[in-house]
Amino acid sequence: MLLDVTNLLRSPGETLPFHFEWTASQCWDGLGEEITWEAPVTLQGECVWMDGFFVVRGEMGMAYTTRCGRCLSPLSMRRCVDFREEFAPREDEDFPDRYLYRGHQLDLTDMAEDLISLHMPMRHLCKEDCKGLCPVCGANRNTTACGCAPQEDPASQKNPFAVLRALQTDEDEEV
């Protein structure tokens, strides 16, 4: 996604509107989650030249499907992210978050990839209080009361701190 800024270099303070669409699967792998993009990711906004650097501001929109991280139900997600980023011709210790550019074009691809990664949730949930799947029978606890007895996690029996659970009373808060 190259933005030609030749005219902005000649006219400080002027704005250059832009609009890009691209297939996000080319730039983001879902960090191990299965993500299906419903539409191209949109990047729109404006660019302005300000005293030695460019300011790029706008909005990124994305629509995708994935699964709940607890119960595996399908989810349709829409996200809209506002952004304001700076592009400079060389690195500056005082401004380490600026993107770099060469010549008369800004490549917005790295910025867009960063925006996607930074604004994706660590875990997608169908709802905040999702009960997940039963570890015994695999039923979705949000829709079915399976009746399986909760089982003690074998890993917790090996945990040296597991004995502290026996010392905890009903009045004690869990830490």
Protein backbone atom coordinates (compact mmCIF):
# COMPACT_ATOMS: atom_id res chain seq x y z
CA MET A 1 0.00 0.00 0.00
CA LEU A 2 2.07 2.82 -1.33
CA LEU A 3 0.98 6.41 -0.84
CA ASP A 4 2.59 8.91 -3.24
CA VAL A 5 3.35 12.08 -1.24
CA THR A 6 5.22 14.06 -3.93
CA ASN A 7 2.64 16.88 -3.95
CA LEU A 8 2.59 17.14 -0.14
CA LEU A 9 6.32 17.81 -0.03
CA ARG A 10 5.70 20.88 -2.18
CA SER A 11 2.67 22.06 -0.17
CA PRO A 12 3.21 21.80 3.60
CA GLY A 13 -0.05 21.78 5.55
CA GLU A 14 -2.12 20.37 2.65
CA THR A 15 -3.84 17.03 3.20
CA LEU A 16 -3.86 14.01 0.93
CA PRO A 17 -6.86 11.71 1.38
CA PHE A 18 -6.37 7.98 0.80
CA HIS A 19 -8.40 4.77 0.71
CA PHE A 20 -6.94 1.26 0.42
CA GLU A 21 -8.47 -2.23 0.52
CA TRP A 22 -6.45 -5.40 0.77
CA THR A 23 -6.76 -9.02 1.75
CA ALA A 24 -5.53 -9.24 5.33
CA SER A 25 -4.61 -12.92 5.10
CA GLN A 26 -1.58 -11.74 3.16
CA CYS A 27 -0.31 -9.81 6.18
CA TRP A 28 -1.66 -11.46 9.32
CA ASP A 29 -1.73 -15.14 10.23
CA GLY A 30 -4.13 -15.01 13.19
CA LEU A 31 -1.47 -15.93 15.76
CA GLY A 32 -2.54 -19.56 15.63
CA GLU A 33 -6.29 -18.86 15.57
CA GLU A 34 -8.38 -19.77 12.58
CA ILE A 35 -9.46 -16.45 11.08
CA THR A 36 -11.59 -16.13 7.95
CA TRP A 37 -11.74 -12.62 6.55
CA GLU A 38 -15.28 -11.73 5.45
CA ALA A 39 -14.20 -8.69 3.46
CA PRO A 40 -11.02 -6.84 2.56
CA VAL A 41 -9.53 -4.74 5.34
CA THR A 42 -10.09 -1.04 4.65
CA LEU A 43 -7.65 1.70 5.47
CA GLN A 44 -8.81 5.26 4.88
CA GLY A 45 -7.77 8.64 6.11
CA GLU A 46 -5.49 11.52 5.26
CA CYS A 47 -1.81 12.36 5.22
CA VAL A 48 -0.21 15.73 5.97
CA TRP A 49 3.44 16.98 5.85
CA MET A 50 4.46 18.71 9.08
CA ASP A 51 7.96 20.08 9.69
CA GLY A 52 10.08 17.16 8.56
CA PHE A 53 7.67 14.24 8.96
CA PHE A 54 4.31 12.99 7.73
CA VAL A 55 1.26 12.46 9.94
CA VAL A 56 -1.05 9.71 8.73
CA ARG A 57 -4.42 9.53 10.48
CA GLY A 58 -7.62 7.73 9.76
CA GLU A 59 -9.59 4.59 10.39
CA MET A 60 -9.09 0.91 9.69
CA GLY A 61 -12.06 -1.44 9.37
CA MET A 62 -12.00 -5.22 9.42
CA ALA A 63 -14.62 -7.98 9.38
CA TYR A 64 -13.79 -11.62 10.08
CA THR A 65 -15.10 -14.87 11.53
CA THR A 66 -13.41 -17.01 14.13
CA ARG A 67 -14.37 -19.26 17.05
CA CYS A 68 -14.87 -18.58 20.74
CA GLY A 69 -11.75 -19.46 22.70
CA ARG A 70 -13.80 -21.31 25.36
CA CYS A 71 -16.82 -22.98 23.72
CA LEU A 72 -15.71 -22.98 20.04
CA SER A 73 -18.95 -21.35 18.84
CA PRO A 74 -18.56 -19.42 15.57
CA LEU A 75 -18.20 -15.65 15.93
CA SER A 76 -18.60 -12.87 13.42
CA MET A 77 -16.46 -9.90 14.41
CA ARG A 78 -16.30 -6.31 13.15
CA ARG A 79 -13.64 -3.90 14.33
CA CYS A 80 -13.02 -0.26 13.58
CA VAL A 81 -9.72 1.25 14.71
CA ASP A 82 -8.78 4.92 14.71
CA PHE A 83 -5.09 5.64 14.18
CA ARG A 84 -2.56 8.45 14.05
CA GLU A 85 0.97 7.53 13.03
CA GLU A 86 4.09 9.42 11.96
CA PHE A 87 6.51 8.68 9.11
CA ALA A 88 10.01 10.17 9.02
CA PRO A 89 12.91 9.92 6.54
CA ARG A 90 15.36 8.70 9.21
CA GLU A 91 15.38 7.18 12.67
CA ASP A 92 15.21 9.48 15.68
CA GLU A 93 15.99 8.33 19.23
CA ASP A 94 13.44 10.78 20.60
CA PHE A 95 10.66 9.28 18.45
CA PRO A 96 11.25 5.50 18.23
CA ASP A 97 7.65 4.73 17.20
CA ARG A 98 7.84 6.57 13.88
CA TYR A 99 7.75 4.56 10.69
CA LEU A 100 10.43 5.24 8.09
CA TYR A 101 9.94 6.12 4.45
CA ARG A 102 12.17 6.55 1.39
CA GLY A 103 11.76 8.82 -1.58
CA HIS A 104 8.30 10.19 -2.25
CA GLN A 105 6.22 7.19 -1.16
CA LEU A 106 4.96 6.00 2.19
CA ASP A 107 4.48 2.25 2.49
CA LEU A 108 1.51 1.83 4.84
CA THR A 109 1.73 -1.98 4.95
CA ASP A 110 3.83 -2.26 8.14
CA MET A 111 1.59 0.24 9.89
CA ALA A 112 -1.54 -1.70 8.88
CA GLU A 113 -0.04 -5.02 10.03
CA ASP A 114 0.85 -3.46 13.38
CA LEU A 115 -2.66 -2.04 13.77
CA ILE A 116 -4.22 -5.44 13.14
CA SER A 117 -1.91 -7.20 15.60
CA LEU A 118 -2.31 -4.57 18.31
CA HIS A 119 -6.10 -4.43 18.11
CA MET A 120 -6.93 -8.12 17.92
CA PRO A 121 -8.01 -9.56 21.26
CA MET A 122 -5.73 -12.15 22.82
CA ARG A 123 -8.71 -14.50 22.98
CA HIS A 124 -12.04 -14.12 21.22
CA LEU A 125 -15.06 -14.86 23.43
CA CYS A 126 -18.72 -15.21 22.46
CA LYS A 127 -19.58 -13.46 25.73
CA GLU A 128 -17.59 -12.37 28.76
CA ASP A 129 -19.09 -15.07 31.02
CA CYS A 130 -18.81 -17.94 28.51
CA LYS A 131 -18.78 -21.23 30.43
CA GLY A 132 -16.82 -23.13 27.79
CA LEU A 133 -16.85 -26.84 27.08
CA CYS A 134 -17.24 -29.60 29.68
CA PRO A 135 -13.81 -31.27 30.07
CA VAL A 136 -15.51 -34.65 30.60
CA CYS A 137 -18.14 -34.95 27.83
CA GLY A 138 -17.33 -31.92 25.65
CA ALA A 139 -20.81 -30.37 25.85
CA ASN A 140 -21.16 -26.62 25.46
CA ARG A 141 -21.95 -25.48 29.01
CA ASN A 142 -23.68 -22.33 27.69
CA THR A 143 -26.44 -24.38 26.03
CA THR A 144 -26.43 -27.71 27.90
CA ALA A 145 -26.36 -28.76 31.54
CA CYS A 146 -24.45 -32.00 31.08
CA GLY A 147 -24.49 -33.14 34.71
CA CYS A 148 -20.88 -34.27 34.71
CA ALA A 149 -19.16 -33.98 38.09
CA PRO A 150 -16.29 -31.51 38.16
CA GLN A 151 -13.01 -33.39 38.14
CA GLU A 152 -9.88 -32.43 39.98
CA ASP A 153 -7.14 -31.46 37.59
CA PRO A 154 -4.33 -34.04 37.94
CA ALA A 155 -1.76 -31.32 37.42
CA SER A 156 -2.99 -29.49 40.52
CA GLN A 157 -2.27 -32.57 42.67
CA LYS A 158 1.41 -32.27 41.75
CA ASN A 159 1.39 -28.58 42.49
CA PRO A 160 3.22 -27.93 45.81
CA PHE A 161 0.82 -25.06 46.54
CA ALA A 162 -2.30 -27.27 46.19
CA VAL A 163 -2.23 -27.95 49.97
CA LEU A 164 -2.96 -24.27 50.55
CA ARG A 165 -6.48 -24.78 49.15
CA ALA A 166 -7.31 -26.91 52.18
CA LEU A 167 -6.32 -24.02 54.47
CA GLN A 168 -8.61 -21.55 52.71
CA THR A 169 -11.97 -20.95 54.40
CA ASP A 170 -15.18 -19.75 52.78
CA GLU A 171 -14.55 -16.26 54.15
CA ASP A 172 -11.07 -16.01 52.64
CA GLU A 173 -10.73 -14.29 49.32
CA GLU A 174 -8.99 -16.15 46.57
CA VAL A 175 -5.70 -14.51 45.74
